[in-house]
Amino acid sequence: MRVNIPFELLFAIGILLFTISLYIYGLIIKRLLPLIERKGIWVLPIVGAAFLVGSTFIHFYRIFYYGTNLSKADPADLFPLIKGMLRANSFEAYSILGSALLTLIGITIYYRWISK
């Protein structure tokens, strides 16, 4: 397996920009909550941003560890490497899903509070 470094860096830049935007969104909500006399949900997008950073680390571990090992593995070693790579891929996907769900929960709660 050959790793395409420019596309992996593009992925990292995109996730980093999205992480920064979630973090800034959390800080904006923190400043807006005192206007409606509520507090606490600003943490959800920031925790979601932390999940995105974690998924990026998992992604690069999967690409660089399993990618290099799969390119020079013996046929007998392929199944455990592919199995580990798929497990890391599942953790990455669950981390991105967790980030999206936390942010969605925070957005929904805030929308309900300001709609009343």
Protein backbone atom coordinates (compact mmCIF):
# COMPACT_ATOMS: atom_id res chain seq x y z
CA MET A 1 0.00 0.00 0.00
CA ARG A 2 1.38 3.36 -1.03
CA VAL A 3 0.55 6.45 1.02
CA ASN A 4 -0.29 9.59 -0.96
CA ILE A 5 1.23 12.28 1.28
CA PRO A 6 -0.31 15.38 -0.40
CA PHE A 7 -3.84 14.02 0.00
CA GLU A 8 -3.19 13.02 3.59
CA LEU A 9 -1.92 16.54 4.35
CA LEU A 10 -5.00 17.98 2.64
CA PHE A 11 -7.16 15.79 4.89
CA ALA A 12 -5.24 16.99 7.97
CA ILE A 13 -5.64 20.64 6.99
CA GLY A 14 -9.39 20.16 6.41
CA ILE A 15 -9.93 18.44 9.76
CA LEU A 16 -7.78 21.07 11.50
CA LEU A 17 -9.86 23.90 10.00
CA PHE A 18 -13.07 22.15 10.98
CA THR A 19 -11.73 21.59 14.50
CA ILE A 20 -10.83 25.26 14.83
CA SER A 21 -14.29 26.29 13.61
CA LEU A 22 -15.98 23.99 16.16
CA TYR A 23 -13.79 25.43 18.91
CA ILE A 24 -14.64 29.01 17.92
CA TYR A 25 -18.32 28.06 17.70
CA GLY A 26 -18.15 26.74 21.26
CA LEU A 27 -16.57 29.99 22.47
CA ILE A 28 -19.23 32.07 20.68
CA ILE A 29 -22.02 30.03 22.28
CA LYS A 30 -20.31 30.52 25.66
CA ARG A 31 -20.54 34.27 25.20
CA LEU A 32 -24.15 34.16 23.99
CA LEU A 33 -25.55 31.93 26.74
CA PRO A 34 -25.58 34.63 29.45
CA LEU A 35 -27.95 36.64 27.24
CA ILE A 36 -30.62 33.95 27.61
CA GLU A 37 -29.56 33.17 31.19
CA ARG A 38 -28.40 29.62 30.46
CA LYS A 39 -25.06 27.87 30.66
CA GLY A 40 -23.23 24.62 30.13
CA ILE A 41 -23.83 23.49 26.56
CA TRP A 42 -20.88 25.39 25.10
CA VAL A 43 -18.70 22.48 26.21
CA LEU A 44 -20.28 20.05 23.72
CA PRO A 45 -18.78 21.53 20.51
CA ILE A 46 -15.40 21.85 22.20
CA VAL A 47 -15.46 18.19 23.24
CA GLY A 48 -16.52 17.41 19.67
CA ALA A 49 -13.46 19.29 18.43
CA ALA A 50 -11.30 17.18 20.74
CA PHE A 51 -12.87 14.04 19.24
CA LEU A 52 -11.91 15.32 15.78
CA VAL A 53 -8.32 15.81 16.85
CA GLY A 54 -8.34 12.26 18.20
CA SER A 55 -9.73 10.90 14.95
CA THR A 56 -6.96 12.69 13.05
CA PHE A 57 -4.32 11.03 15.21
CA ILE A 58 -5.97 7.65 14.67
CA HIS A 59 -6.07 8.30 10.93
CA PHE A 60 -2.38 9.09 10.71
CA TYR A 61 -1.48 6.13 12.90
CA ARG A 62 -3.49 3.89 10.59
CA ILE A 63 -1.97 5.34 7.44
CA PHE A 64 1.66 5.38 8.51
CA TYR A 65 1.79 2.24 10.66
CA TYR A 66 -0.44 -0.10 8.72
CA GLY A 67 0.33 1.42 5.34
CA THR A 68 4.06 0.86 5.65
CA ASN A 69 3.66 -2.58 7.20
CA LEU A 70 1.21 -3.74 4.53
CA SER A 71 3.55 -2.70 1.75
CA LYS A 72 6.33 -4.99 3.01
CA ALA A 73 4.37 -7.78 4.74
CA ASP A 74 4.57 -11.49 4.08
CA PRO A 75 1.38 -13.18 2.89
CA ALA A 76 0.98 -14.86 6.29
CA ASP A 77 0.98 -11.48 8.04
CA LEU A 78 -1.62 -9.83 5.82
CA PHE A 79 -4.76 -10.93 7.65
CA PRO A 80 -3.76 -9.55 11.11
CA LEU A 81 -2.60 -6.29 9.53
CA ILE A 82 -5.81 -5.85 7.55
CA LYS A 83 -7.84 -6.71 10.64
CA GLY A 84 -5.95 -4.11 12.70
CA MET A 85 -6.31 -1.53 9.97
CA LEU A 86 -10.07 -2.06 9.82
CA ARG A 87 -10.29 -1.80 13.62
CA ALA A 88 -8.41 1.52 13.55
CA ASN A 89 -10.69 2.68 10.74
CA SER A 90 -13.73 1.85 12.89
CA PHE A 91 -12.33 3.83 15.85
CA GLU A 92 -11.70 6.77 13.54
CA ALA A 93 -15.25 6.66 12.19
CA TYR A 94 -16.77 6.35 15.68
CA SER A 95 -14.72 9.32 16.84
CA ILE A 96 -15.98 11.46 13.95
CA LEU A 97 -19.53 10.26 14.63
CA GLY A 98 -19.15 11.18 18.32
CA SER A 99 -17.96 14.64 17.37
CA ALA A 100 -20.91 15.16 15.06
CA LEU A 101 -23.44 13.90 17.61
CA LEU A 102 -22.08 16.06 20.43
CA THR A 103 -22.16 19.14 18.23
CA LEU A 104 -25.65 18.32 16.97
CA ILE A 105 -26.94 17.86 20.52
CA GLY A 106 -25.45 21.21 21.52
CA ILE A 107 -26.93 22.97 18.50
CA THR A 108 -30.36 21.42 19.07
CA ILE A 109 -30.47 22.37 22.75
CA TYR A 110 -29.36 25.95 22.00
CA TYR A 111 -31.94 26.25 19.21
CA ARG A 112 -34.72 25.08 21.51
CA TRP A 113 -33.66 27.54 24.21
CA ILE A 114 -33.65 30.53 21.88
CA SER A 115 -36.89 29.50 20.13
CA LYS A 116 -39.04 29.86 23.25
